[in-house]
Protein backbone atom coordinates (compact mmCIF):
# COMPACT_ATOMS: atom_id res chain seq x y z
CA MET A 1 113.97 127.72 63.73
CA GLN A 2 114.25 130.99 65.67
CA ASP A 3 110.47 131.46 65.42
CA GLU A 4 109.93 127.97 66.88
CA ILE A 5 112.27 128.74 69.80
CA GLU A 6 110.47 132.01 70.51
CA LEU A 7 107.12 130.22 70.35
CA LEU A 8 108.38 127.60 72.84
CA HIS A 9 109.60 130.32 75.23
CA MET A 10 106.24 132.07 74.98
CA ILE A 11 104.37 128.83 75.76
CA LEU A 12 106.58 128.06 78.76
CA LYS A 13 106.42 131.63 80.02
CA ASN A 14 102.61 131.63 79.94
CA CYS A 15 102.13 128.07 81.12
CA PHE A 16 99.60 127.85 83.92
CA GLY A 17 101.89 125.67 86.04
CA ASN A 18 105.35 126.24 87.51
CA ILE A 19 108.23 124.90 85.43
CA PHE A 20 111.93 124.81 86.04
CA VAL A 21 114.75 122.70 84.61
CA ILE A 22 118.12 121.66 86.04
CA ASP A 23 121.13 120.07 84.35
CA LYS A 24 123.03 116.92 85.38
CA ASP A 25 125.07 118.98 87.88
CA ALA A 26 121.93 120.36 89.57
CA ASN A 27 122.38 123.84 88.09
CA ILE A 28 119.09 125.60 87.31
CA VAL A 29 118.98 126.28 83.57
CA TYR A 30 115.38 127.42 83.09
CA VAL A 31 112.63 128.92 85.26
CA ASN A 32 109.28 130.23 84.03
CA ASP A 33 107.64 133.27 85.64
CA ASN A 34 105.20 131.25 87.76
CA ALA A 35 108.02 129.18 89.26
CA ALA A 36 110.05 132.32 89.94
CA ASN A 37 107.09 133.86 91.76
CA ALA A 38 106.64 130.72 93.85
CA LEU A 39 110.34 130.69 94.79
CA GLY A 40 110.33 134.42 95.51
CA LEU A 41 113.28 135.45 93.33
CA PRO A 42 113.70 136.77 89.75
CA ALA A 43 114.21 134.08 87.13
CA GLU A 44 117.59 135.59 86.16
CA GLU A 45 118.90 135.20 89.72
CA LEU A 46 117.53 131.66 90.04
CA MET A 47 119.30 130.60 86.84
CA ARG A 48 122.62 131.49 88.47
CA MET A 49 121.91 129.12 91.33
CA SER A 50 122.17 125.41 92.08
CA ALA A 51 119.11 123.39 93.08
CA TYR A 52 120.87 122.76 96.40
CA GLU A 53 120.71 126.48 97.14
CA LEU A 54 116.91 126.30 97.08
CA LEU A 55 117.20 124.20 100.22
CA ASP A 56 120.00 126.26 101.75
CA ARG A 57 118.02 129.48 101.36
CA LYS A 58 114.76 127.82 102.40
CA LEU A 59 113.06 128.70 99.13
CA ALA A 60 111.53 125.21 99.03
CA SER A 61 110.94 122.56 101.69
CA SER A 62 112.36 119.89 99.37
CA VAL A 63 113.67 119.58 95.81
CA ALA A 64 112.26 116.60 93.93
CA ALA A 65 114.73 117.07 91.08
CA LEU A 66 117.63 116.11 93.35
CA LYS A 67 116.07 112.74 94.04
CA VAL A 68 115.68 112.20 90.29
CA LEU A 69 119.43 112.85 89.85
CA GLU A 70 120.06 110.23 92.53
CA THR A 71 117.59 107.54 91.40
CA LYS A 72 117.25 108.28 87.66
CA GLN A 73 113.51 107.83 88.06
CA GLU A 74 110.47 110.10 88.00
CA HIS A 75 109.55 111.47 91.42
CA ILE A 76 106.32 112.99 92.74
CA GLN A 77 105.91 114.74 96.08
CA ALA A 78 104.34 117.72 97.83
CA VAL A 79 106.59 120.76 98.36
CA THR A 80 106.03 124.04 100.22
CA PHE A 81 107.56 127.03 98.40
CA ALA A 82 108.79 130.43 99.60
CA ASN A 83 105.41 132.04 98.90
CA GLY A 84 103.79 129.67 101.41
CA ASN A 85 101.92 127.57 98.84
CA THR A 86 102.10 123.79 99.04
CA MET A 87 102.16 122.27 95.57
CA ALA A 88 102.20 118.85 93.98
CA VAL A 89 105.56 118.49 92.20
CA ASN A 90 106.40 116.09 89.36
CA ALA A 91 110.09 115.79 88.44
CA ARG A 92 111.07 113.73 85.38
CA PRO A 93 114.51 112.84 83.97
CA VAL A 94 115.60 113.60 80.40
CA PHE A 95 118.26 111.16 79.15
CA ASP A 96 120.95 111.57 76.50
CA GLU A 97 121.77 108.97 73.83
CA ASN A 98 124.02 107.10 76.31
CA GLY A 99 121.27 106.70 78.88
CA ASP A 100 122.74 109.31 81.25
CA ILE A 101 120.64 112.09 82.74
CA LYS A 102 120.96 115.29 80.75
CA ASN A 103 118.30 117.37 82.47
CA VAL A 104 115.50 117.11 84.99
CA VAL A 105 112.23 118.86 84.18
CA VAL A 106 110.10 119.86 87.15
CA PHE A 107 106.42 120.80 86.92
CA SER A 108 104.38 121.88 89.92
CA GLN A 109 100.82 123.00 90.50
CA GLU A 110 98.90 124.30 93.52
CA GLN A 111 97.01 121.72 95.56
CA LYS A 112 93.68 123.49 95.14
CA VAL A 113 94.05 123.55 91.35
CA ILE A 114 94.84 119.83 91.21
CA GLU A 115 91.95 119.02 93.53
CA HIS A 116 89.59 120.98 91.27
CA PHE A 117 90.95 119.17 88.22
CA MET A 118 90.62 115.77 89.87
CA GLN A 119 87.05 116.48 90.90
CA SER A 120 86.12 117.48 87.38
CA ILE A 121 87.42 114.29 85.72
CA GLN A 122 87.24 111.66 88.43
CA HIS A 123 84.33 109.27 88.79
CA GLU A 124 83.73 109.67 92.51
CA ASN A 125 82.97 106.61 94.62
CA GLN A 126 82.79 108.61 97.84
CA VAL A 127 79.90 109.46 100.09
CA ILE A 128 80.26 113.07 101.25
CA SER A 129 78.29 114.25 104.27
CA GLN A 130 78.00 117.61 106.02
CA THR A 131 80.27 116.56 108.86
CA LEU A 132 82.96 114.70 106.93
CA SER A 133 85.24 116.06 104.27
CA HIS A 134 85.81 112.67 102.72
CA VAL A 135 84.63 109.15 103.48
CA LEU A 136 86.31 106.73 101.14
CA GLN A 137 84.71 103.29 101.03
CA ASP A 138 85.63 100.15 99.17
CA SER A 139 83.64 97.01 98.56
CA GLU A 140 84.89 95.45 101.79
CA ASN A 141 83.87 98.43 103.93
CA ASN A 142 87.37 99.74 104.57
CA GLU A 143 87.09 103.44 105.37
CA LEU A 144 89.32 106.45 105.55
CA ILE A 145 87.66 109.37 107.28
CA ALA A 146 89.64 112.47 106.48
CA VAL A 147 89.15 115.89 108.02
CA SER A 148 92.56 116.77 109.48
CA ASP A 149 95.09 118.52 107.24
CA THR A 150 97.65 115.74 107.70
CA ILE A 151 95.41 113.05 106.22
CA LYS A 152 94.04 115.41 103.55
CA HIS A 153 97.59 115.93 102.30
CA CYS A 154 98.06 112.15 102.19
CA LEU A 155 94.78 111.84 100.30
CA MET A 156 95.84 114.47 97.76
CA MET A 157 99.02 112.52 97.00
CA ALA A 158 96.99 109.31 96.64
CA LYS A 159 94.67 111.02 94.14
CA ILE A 160 97.61 112.15 92.04
CA ALA A 161 99.23 108.72 92.22
CA ALA A 162 96.01 106.97 91.17
CA TYR A 163 96.25 108.38 87.66
CA ARG A 164 99.80 107.19 87.03
CA GLU A 165 101.25 103.73 86.53
CA SER A 166 104.26 104.45 88.74
CA THR A 167 105.10 102.22 91.68
CA ILE A 168 104.07 103.52 95.11
CA MET A 169 105.60 103.05 98.54
CA LEU A 170 103.35 103.65 101.55
CA TYR A 171 104.97 104.40 104.91
CA GLY A 172 103.06 104.28 108.17
CA GLU A 173 102.67 102.59 111.52
CA SER A 174 100.69 99.37 111.92
CA GLY A 175 96.97 100.06 111.87
CA ALA A 176 97.33 103.53 110.30
CA GLY A 177 95.42 102.57 107.13
CA LYS A 178 98.04 101.65 104.52
CA GLU A 179 95.80 99.08 102.84
CA VAL A 180 92.88 101.53 102.79
CA ILE A 181 95.03 104.06 100.91
CA ALA A 182 96.26 101.34 98.55
CA ARG A 183 92.67 100.32 97.78
CA TYR A 184 91.71 103.94 97.20
CA VAL A 185 94.54 104.35 94.69
CA HIS A 186 93.39 101.19 92.89
CA GLN A 187 89.73 102.21 92.82
CA ASN A 188 90.57 105.57 91.27
CA SER A 189 93.02 104.19 88.72
CA GLN A 190 92.43 102.86 85.24
CA ARG A 191 92.73 99.35 86.70
CA ASN A 192 89.69 99.72 88.95
CA LYS A 193 87.71 97.07 87.08
CA LYS A 194 90.46 94.51 87.65
CA ILE A 195 91.63 92.69 90.76
CA PHE A 196 93.16 94.32 93.85
CA LEU A 197 95.25 91.62 95.53
CA PRO A 198 96.72 92.31 98.99
CA VAL A 199 99.64 90.17 100.17
CA ASN A 200 101.03 90.33 103.71
CA CYS A 201 104.69 89.47 103.22
CA ALA A 202 105.17 89.00 106.97
CA ALA A 203 102.56 86.21 107.03
CA ILE A 204 104.23 84.00 104.40
CA PRO A 205 107.04 81.66 105.57
CA HIS A 206 110.30 82.39 103.75
CA GLU A 207 110.47 78.87 102.30
CA LEU A 208 107.06 79.36 100.64
CA MET A 209 107.64 82.88 99.31
CA GLU A 210 108.72 81.90 95.80
CA SER A 211 105.88 79.45 95.21
CA GLU A 212 103.33 81.93 96.61
CA PHE A 213 104.56 84.81 94.44
CA PHE A 214 105.28 82.96 91.20
CA GLY A 215 103.17 79.80 91.43
CA TYR A 216 104.18 76.25 90.56
CA GLU A 217 103.49 73.37 88.21
CA LYS A 218 102.24 69.92 89.20
CA GLY A 219 105.11 67.87 90.59
CA ALA A 220 107.39 70.86 91.16
CA PHE A 221 107.84 69.64 94.76
CA THR A 222 106.46 66.87 96.97
CA ASP A 223 103.08 68.41 97.82
CA ALA A 224 102.49 70.02 94.40
CA ARG A 225 99.63 67.72 93.36
CA LYS A 226 98.26 70.26 90.88
CA ALA A 227 99.43 73.46 89.25
CA LYS A 228 98.76 76.76 90.96
CA ALA A 229 99.07 80.35 89.74
CA GLY A 230 101.15 82.69 91.92
CA ARG A 231 100.07 86.03 93.33
CA MET A 232 101.80 88.05 90.60
CA GLU A 233 100.10 86.03 87.87
CA VAL A 234 96.68 86.30 89.53
CA ALA A 235 97.07 90.07 89.97
CA SER A 236 98.08 90.65 86.33
CA GLY A 237 96.02 93.45 84.84
CA GLY A 238 95.21 94.80 88.31
CA THR A 239 97.03 96.00 91.42
CA LEU A 240 99.29 93.94 93.69
CA PHE A 241 99.64 95.33 97.22
CA LEU A 242 102.70 94.04 99.08
CA ASP A 243 102.31 94.89 102.75
CA GLU A 244 105.30 94.66 105.10
CA ILE A 245 107.64 94.32 102.12
CA GLY A 246 110.63 94.75 104.43
CA ASN A 247 110.08 91.14 105.54
CA LEU A 248 111.12 89.71 102.16
CA SER A 249 114.38 87.75 102.26
CA LEU A 250 117.27 88.99 100.13
CA PRO A 251 117.00 86.06 97.66
CA MET A 252 113.28 86.78 97.26
CA GLN A 253 114.01 90.47 96.78
CA ALA A 254 116.31 89.59 93.88
CA LYS A 255 113.61 87.44 92.25
CA LEU A 256 110.98 90.15 92.73
CA LEU A 257 113.29 92.77 91.20
CA THR A 258 113.80 90.57 88.14
CA ALA A 259 110.05 90.06 87.74
CA ILE A 260 109.39 93.81 88.01
CA GLU A 261 112.12 94.73 85.52
CA LYS A 262 111.31 92.07 82.94
CA ARG A 263 107.54 92.11 83.56
CA GLN A 264 107.49 88.34 83.35
CA ILE A 265 107.64 85.32 85.65
CA SER A 266 108.08 81.58 85.46
CA ARG A 267 106.29 79.12 87.73
CA LEU A 268 108.37 76.73 89.81
CA GLY A 269 108.98 73.56 87.82
CA ALA A 270 108.13 75.24 84.50
CA THR A 271 110.17 76.51 81.58
CA ASP A 272 107.45 78.68 80.05
CA ILE A 273 107.64 82.44 80.53
CA ILE A 274 104.41 84.18 81.64
CA PRO A 275 104.12 87.92 80.89
CA ILE A 276 102.61 89.98 83.72
CA ASP A 277 101.14 93.48 83.93
CA VAL A 278 100.69 94.59 87.54
CA ARG A 279 100.50 97.96 89.29
CA LEU A 280 102.73 97.48 92.33
CA ILE A 281 101.97 99.23 95.62
CA SER A 282 104.23 98.39 98.56
CA ALA A 283 104.00 99.28 102.24
CA THR A 284 106.13 99.10 105.35
CA ASN A 285 106.00 100.14 108.98
CA VAL A 286 109.78 100.22 109.39
CA ASN A 287 112.50 102.58 108.18
CA ILE A 288 113.35 100.74 104.99
CA ARG A 289 116.33 102.98 104.24
CA GLU A 290 117.92 101.76 107.47
CA LEU A 291 117.39 98.21 106.21
CA VAL A 292 119.22 99.22 103.03
CA GLU A 293 122.13 100.64 105.04
CA GLU A 294 122.26 97.48 107.16
CA GLY A 295 122.36 95.32 104.02
CA ASN A 296 118.96 93.75 104.66
CA PHE A 297 117.12 95.35 101.74
CA ARG A 298 118.30 95.85 98.17
CA GLN A 299 118.74 99.48 97.18
CA ASP A 300 118.02 98.74 93.51
CA LEU A 301 114.69 97.16 94.50
CA LEU A 302 113.82 100.16 96.67
CA TYR A 303 114.41 102.47 93.69
CA ARG A 304 112.03 100.33 91.65
CA ILE A 305 109.17 100.37 94.15
CA ASN A 306 109.24 103.90 95.58
CA THR A 307 108.72 106.18 92.56
CA ILE A 308 105.92 107.84 94.55
CA GLU A 309 106.20 107.90 98.35
CA ILE A 310 103.21 108.54 100.61
CA THR A 311 103.49 108.74 104.39
CA ILE A 312 100.29 107.98 106.29
CA PRO A 313 100.11 109.89 109.59
CA PRO A 314 99.44 108.00 112.83
CA LEU A 315 96.06 108.53 114.46
CA ARG A 316 97.56 110.59 117.30
CA GLU A 317 98.50 113.27 114.72
CA ARG A 318 95.04 113.43 113.14
CA GLY A 319 93.28 115.57 115.76
CA GLU A 320 89.49 115.63 115.39
CA ASP A 321 89.55 112.56 113.12
CA VAL A 322 89.67 110.50 116.34
CA LEU A 323 86.14 111.49 117.36
CA LEU A 324 84.79 111.27 113.81
CA LEU A 325 86.18 107.76 113.48
CA ALA A 326 84.81 106.88 116.92
CA ASP A 327 81.36 108.08 115.86
CA TYR A 328 81.59 106.09 112.64
CA PHE A 329 82.54 102.86 114.44
CA LEU A 330 79.90 103.57 117.08
CA GLN A 331 77.18 103.60 114.41
CA ARG A 332 78.57 100.50 112.72
CA TYR A 333 78.75 98.35 115.85
CA THR A 334 75.53 99.53 117.49
CA HIS A 335 73.81 98.37 114.30
CA LYS A 336 75.78 95.11 114.18
CA TYR A 337 75.10 94.18 117.81
CA LYS A 338 71.61 95.76 117.92
CA LYS A 339 72.49 97.96 120.91
CA GLU A 340 70.74 101.21 121.86
CA ILE A 341 73.76 103.45 122.46
CA ASN A 342 73.41 107.11 121.53
CA GLY A 343 77.00 108.32 121.76
CA LEU A 344 79.95 109.12 124.00
CA SER A 345 79.98 111.23 127.13
CA ARG A 346 82.11 114.38 127.18
CA GLU A 347 84.57 112.67 129.53
CA ALA A 348 84.82 109.65 127.23
CA LYS A 349 85.58 111.92 124.27
CA GLN A 350 88.30 113.63 126.28
CA LYS A 351 89.80 110.27 127.18
CA LEU A 352 89.90 109.18 123.54
CA MET A 353 91.47 112.48 122.45
CA ARG A 354 94.19 112.28 125.13
CA TYR A 355 95.14 108.67 124.37
CA HIS A 356 98.27 108.07 122.24
CA TRP A 357 96.77 105.23 120.09
CA PRO A 358 99.85 103.05 119.47
CA GLY A 359 97.64 100.70 117.43
CA ASN A 360 96.17 103.60 115.42
CA VAL A 361 92.77 103.27 113.68
CA ARG A 362 92.68 99.51 114.19
CA GLU A 363 93.05 99.93 117.96
CA LEU A 364 90.32 102.60 118.05
CA GLN A 365 87.98 100.34 116.07
CA HIS A 366 88.50 97.45 118.49
CA ALA A 367 88.14 99.75 121.52
CA ILE A 368 84.77 101.03 120.30
CA GLU A 369 83.55 97.52 119.42
CA ARG A 370 84.56 96.15 122.82
CA ALA A 371 82.96 99.08 124.66
CA ILE A 372 79.67 98.58 122.82
CA ILE A 373 79.59 94.84 123.49
CA LEU A 374 80.18 95.29 127.23
CA SER A 375 78.08 98.41 127.83
CA ASP A 376 74.53 98.40 129.23
CA SER A 377 74.28 102.19 129.25
CA PRO A 378 72.85 104.41 126.48
CA LEU A 379 76.01 106.53 126.72
CA LEU A 380 79.59 105.29 126.59
CA LYS A 381 81.68 106.55 129.50
CA PRO A 382 85.45 106.56 130.25
CA ALA A 383 85.14 103.33 132.23
CA ASN A 384 83.94 101.55 129.10
CA PHE A 385 87.31 102.04 127.42
CA MET A 386 90.04 99.74 128.71
CA LEU A 387 92.98 101.46 127.05
CA GLN A 388 96.63 100.62 127.58
CA PRO A 389 98.34 102.91 130.09
CA GLN A 390 100.65 105.37 128.38
CA PRO A 391 104.25 104.33 129.05
CA GLU A 392 106.20 106.69 131.25
CA LYS A 393 109.34 108.19 129.78
CA ARG A 394 112.35 106.87 131.66
CA VAL A 395 115.39 109.07 132.03
CA ASN A 396 118.70 107.27 131.66
CA THR A 397 120.98 108.92 134.20
CA ASP A 398 124.00 107.70 132.21
CA GLU A 399 122.91 109.27 128.92
CA ILE A 400 124.80 112.24 127.51
CA LEU A 401 123.09 115.53 128.33
CA ASN A 402 125.77 117.89 127.02
CA LEU A 403 124.15 119.71 124.09
CA GLU A 404 127.37 120.14 122.13
CA GLN A 405 128.18 116.43 122.42
CA LEU A 406 124.64 115.46 121.43
CA GLU A 407 124.93 117.73 118.39
CA ARG A 408 128.33 116.25 117.50
CA ASN A 409 126.97 112.69 117.77
CA ALA A 410 123.94 113.52 115.62
CA ILE A 411 126.08 115.12 112.90
CA GLU A 412 128.54 112.22 112.89
CA ARG A 413 125.68 109.71 112.50
CA ALA A 414 124.11 111.76 109.72
CA MET A 415 127.43 112.04 107.86
CA LYS A 416 127.99 108.31 108.19
CA ARG A 417 124.48 107.47 107.01
CA SER A 418 124.78 109.82 104.02
CA GLU A 419 128.29 108.49 103.18
CA GLY A 420 129.67 112.04 103.38
CA ASN A 421 127.00 113.63 101.19
CA LEU A 422 126.45 117.02 102.86
CA SER A 423 123.08 117.72 101.29
CA ARG A 424 121.64 114.36 102.36
CA ALA A 425 123.18 114.72 105.84
CA ALA A 426 121.55 118.15 106.17
CA GLU A 427 118.17 116.64 105.20
CA TYR A 428 118.57 113.91 107.84
CA LEU A 429 119.30 116.59 110.46
CA GLY A 430 116.47 118.88 109.33
CA ILE A 431 118.77 121.84 108.69
CA THR A 432 120.13 123.62 105.61
CA ARG A 433 123.38 122.63 103.99
CA TYR A 434 124.85 126.02 104.87
CA ALA A 435 123.92 125.52 108.53
CA LEU A 436 125.62 122.12 108.43
CA TYR A 437 128.79 123.74 107.03
CA ARG A 438 128.87 126.16 109.98
CA LYS A 439 128.37 123.38 112.53
CA LEU A 440 131.10 121.23 110.96
CA GLU A 441 133.53 124.16 111.22
CA LYS A 442 132.44 124.96 114.76
CA LEU A 443 132.89 121.36 115.96
CA GLY A 444 136.05 120.73 113.95
CA LEU A 445 134.57 117.79 112.05
């Protein structure tokens, strides 16, 4: 037995990745040498610490294991460690015989290593040119052009997620490309030969939600002249993409949660149970945790659909991607409309780069298409782009400008939102837990 324990320690010590383990109280109970190097402290010192202290001492930008303790589900995210490396982190719960969390095991690996691994095993469906890092295309010509670091990070997380069956939640503004990312995950998953079915929850009337999701039998209601399979049944074996999931009513959320947990549905008007096997990807452009706090979205459903979270950056944060996307759409629409337009003038490029793009990639696409249709010049100029004027920031003369009062208000809101949980409140405020302690003492809160 002792030999087996020593062998296990040797394997973990020499493992290529970073491994550390915490107990149910968030105390660090094991750290291998690679993880200790990444965190910048000896393993012996780390094993006298709590996982919360990693945040307090800024040894890691986030601790995935803490979310596992909260949700009791596997969690994957990108984390920047004390040595400056950003790594993909996978935290998984270990349960005891009563179903309670006993430990959380965390494995992390450098982004460049994972990218190399993915490239070596993945069947690529990308076209890579000299000017673009990645152009991801699906059968319906949806593209994600990715050169900026912000979108590359998003793409890395999507690659990792593609190989797992976990649920995914995509966050991002309207027009930022949530469906494109969802399709990319599907195309690079083991379900890529099966259906990808997008559903816009905001476009379905509440009274039709149940019949659309679960289907119905003939005669189930007045207009049910023949049986119809629902979206979940049709998507079985493939991927179901639920866009704007925050628009689901609470009764529909309860029914969806039941279907996800039991992996089965029943059509309206039927007694038969239909087993389903879907990979669920959800998306929203609102703060869904605020909906949970307001009582408009079920927390248990959120835990079921957000095992992996990916935030898609807005176009205004993607730098040079703006001009690369503009060039791509320029080529597409000059070909479509048979126009002889060679490019954009320097002034036009500057105008596009300065614009705030509230409608993101979708707005840029429409702006380029409209400019090409209306232009008679071989070069697009600033006048060809009829962009919305950027709204001026209005100063409310009645608003509080006292810094101490603003800080007090922010801390009180964070404490209320976190229900008194100091670590979560510190995350909301973007500061360490220790810094929050000091501010609470200073303000007498």
